[in-house]
């Protein structure tokens, strides 16, 4: 399966591939399984550690797919058990576009 990645991370990182091929069955596998494979294959961290004083908070990434081929039309992935085949594929050559948002935001 072709995946077009758009990682948005708060941490310094190496260049991640923009297009990857993941060996997974789209009809029987969940989007969560696909995301796990993407993290394994690309070494993109699944969470960011936020440290202050003696406290460490792990903040998980948020995941989106591009819903209609426009880069400002995101669909947040909330059910990691949903089948991959239920998600749209509007990337290059029929790839699924996945945004991995690992940015941290703090509120006072």
Protein backbone atom coordinates (compact mmCIF):
# COMPACT_ATOMS: atom_id res chain seq x y z
CA UNK A 1 0.00 0.00 0.00
CA UNK A 2 1.28 3.45 -0.92
CA UNK A 3 1.38 6.11 1.78
CA UNK A 4 2.17 9.79 1.34
CA UNK A 5 3.44 11.15 4.68
CA UNK A 6 3.14 14.65 6.07
CA UNK A 7 4.87 14.58 9.49
CA UNK A 8 4.54 17.72 11.59
CA UNK A 9 6.76 17.35 14.62
CA UNK A 10 7.93 19.65 17.43
CA UNK A 11 11.20 17.79 17.82
CA UNK A 12 14.28 17.98 15.70
CA UNK A 13 14.29 15.05 13.34
CA UNK A 14 15.94 13.55 10.33
CA UNK A 15 14.23 13.88 6.98
CA UNK A 16 11.41 11.39 6.81
CA UNK A 17 10.38 9.82 3.52
CA UNK A 18 7.48 11.50 1.77
CA UNK A 19 6.28 8.35 0.00
CA UNK A 20 6.53 4.87 1.48
CA UNK A 21 5.23 1.44 0.61
CA UNK A 22 3.74 -0.56 3.50
CA UNK A 23 3.06 -4.29 3.23
CA UNK A 24 -0.44 -4.60 4.72
CA UNK A 25 -3.85 -5.93 3.69
CA UNK A 26 -6.10 -2.88 3.31
CA UNK A 27 -9.32 -4.91 3.57
CA UNK A 28 -8.63 -6.83 6.77
CA UNK A 29 -6.22 -4.58 8.69
CA UNK A 30 -7.06 -1.60 10.87
CA UNK A 31 -5.79 1.95 10.48
CA UNK A 32 -4.06 1.50 13.87
CA UNK A 33 -2.07 -1.44 12.50
CA UNK A 34 -1.08 0.67 9.51
CA UNK A 35 0.04 3.55 11.72
CA UNK A 36 2.11 1.15 13.87
CA UNK A 37 3.85 -0.13 10.73
CA UNK A 38 4.51 3.43 9.55
CA UNK A 39 6.16 4.28 12.89
CA UNK A 40 8.29 1.11 12.72
CA UNK A 41 9.32 1.68 9.12
CA UNK A 42 10.14 5.40 9.37
CA UNK A 43 11.32 5.75 12.98
CA UNK A 44 8.94 8.67 13.47
CA UNK A 45 8.30 8.77 17.23
CA UNK A 46 4.76 7.78 18.28
CA UNK A 47 4.87 10.29 21.10
CA UNK A 48 6.85 13.28 22.26
CA UNK A 49 8.30 13.50 25.76
CA UNK A 50 7.77 16.85 27.41
CA UNK A 51 10.11 17.35 30.37
CA UNK A 52 10.10 19.96 33.08
CA UNK A 53 11.70 19.71 36.50
CA UNK A 54 11.36 16.06 37.58
CA UNK A 55 8.25 15.39 35.53
CA UNK A 56 8.01 13.73 32.12
CA UNK A 57 4.77 13.76 30.16
CA UNK A 58 4.36 11.63 27.02
CA UNK A 59 2.15 13.27 24.43
CA UNK A 60 0.83 10.97 21.71
CA UNK A 61 0.69 12.00 18.08
CA UNK A 62 -2.60 12.85 16.41
CA UNK A 63 -3.32 11.34 13.01
CA UNK A 64 -5.26 12.70 10.05
CA UNK A 65 -5.98 11.67 6.48
CA UNK A 66 -6.63 14.10 3.66
CA UNK A 67 -10.33 13.69 2.95
CA UNK A 68 -10.95 15.21 -0.47
CA UNK A 69 -7.59 15.79 -2.09
CA UNK A 70 -7.23 19.29 -0.62
CA UNK A 71 -4.43 19.78 1.88
CA UNK A 72 -6.68 21.81 4.17
CA UNK A 73 -9.46 19.20 4.31
CA UNK A 74 -8.38 16.86 7.11
CA UNK A 75 -10.26 13.95 8.64
CA UNK A 76 -9.02 13.12 12.14
CA UNK A 77 -8.50 9.43 12.84
CA UNK A 78 -10.31 8.64 16.09
CA UNK A 79 -11.07 4.91 15.79
CA UNK A 80 -7.83 2.98 15.41
CA UNK A 81 -9.85 -0.22 14.86
CA UNK A 82 -11.53 1.08 11.70
CA UNK A 83 -10.54 -0.78 8.52
CA UNK A 84 -8.00 0.89 6.23
CA UNK A 85 -10.35 0.42 3.27
CA UNK A 86 -12.79 2.92 4.84
CA UNK A 87 -10.36 5.82 4.44
CA UNK A 88 -9.94 7.94 1.30
CA UNK A 89 -6.87 7.78 -0.93
CA UNK A 90 -6.21 11.09 -2.66
CA UNK A 91 -2.41 11.09 -2.84
CA UNK A 92 -0.06 10.51 -5.74
CA UNK A 93 -0.85 7.31 -7.65
CA UNK A 94 -3.76 6.48 -5.32
CA UNK A 95 -1.74 6.77 -2.11
CA UNK A 96 -3.37 7.47 1.23
CA UNK A 97 -2.17 10.81 2.61
CA UNK A 98 -1.52 10.56 6.35
CA UNK A 99 -0.58 13.54 8.52
CA UNK A 100 1.28 12.63 11.70
CA UNK A 101 0.94 15.58 14.08
CA UNK A 102 3.50 15.32 16.87
CA UNK A 103 3.60 18.98 17.77
CA UNK A 104 3.27 19.99 21.41
CA UNK A 105 1.05 22.82 22.52
CA UNK A 106 0.96 24.18 26.04
CA UNK A 107 -1.86 26.14 27.65
CA UNK A 108 -1.49 28.16 30.85
